[in-house]
């Protein structure tokens, strides 16, 4: 299905193109419809095309070493997916599936090449947009990588939770133990010294009642603090997992680039050998 140039104006990557450049690209790309649960591409498929979200919902996933499906991205309106594989001309590293009735623009490397041949200045506009997106991604990674689990928890904590933490912190300190022993000793000494005039004579029933109430209050406060610590540990583990995923993605990207460079070096060596052999054979003939 032919593409309306107005659709391309809402794509961030093509937002800086002028009317003529947009018309040239619209004549090249194709608008495709996908049914719910229809696969757009799968891992290992040739990365000849990239897609731009127009409407609907798409889920981009991969499979980890435990054969568990991991959601990589859910592109919003105007966002690309499968773009890196299209540019590198490598097989897709992910699966893309339409979750509902979806319309996408299908863009190939040839479409971009045709646009650049006819409108060379469009390449700078596209590079400008890609550069902005790259810097935004870098800034997001920096912010997320520097997040502290304690800071994240403190931002969401309520006054009651902070009071519970303070009570548990004081109740589990030597200050509380020493203070409690001093006050109890003074209390019992005064009541023993007053004998019959004591307000709480031996066996100190009032003191036992106060201690029972204190223990009854401390138990739920300690549980509140433990639940808060559990949430903090969960946030910390989620941040660690996110950092590990980003590190793994970076390592995989570097490995792919190294493999690609190795293949290109091999092709270059083969080309040089062929030229050297051709030169030697020419010298022998002469």
Foldseek 3Di string as FASTA:
>chain_A
DQADLVLLCLALLQVPPDPVLSVLLSRPKDKDKDAAFAWPDAFQAFLFKKKAFADAWKWKWAADPVRDIDTDDIDDHNDIDSVVSQVVRGTDRIIMTGRHITMIIIDGPVSVVSSCVVPVVSVVSSVVSVVVVVVVVVVVCVVLLPDALVVVLVVVDDPLLVVLVVVVVVCPDVVVVVVVVVVVVVLQVVQVVVVPPRPQHPVRPVVVVVVVVVVVVNVVSVVSNVVSVVSSVVSVVVSVVVVVVVVVVVVVVVVVVVVVVVVVVVVVVVVVVVVVVVVVVVVVVD
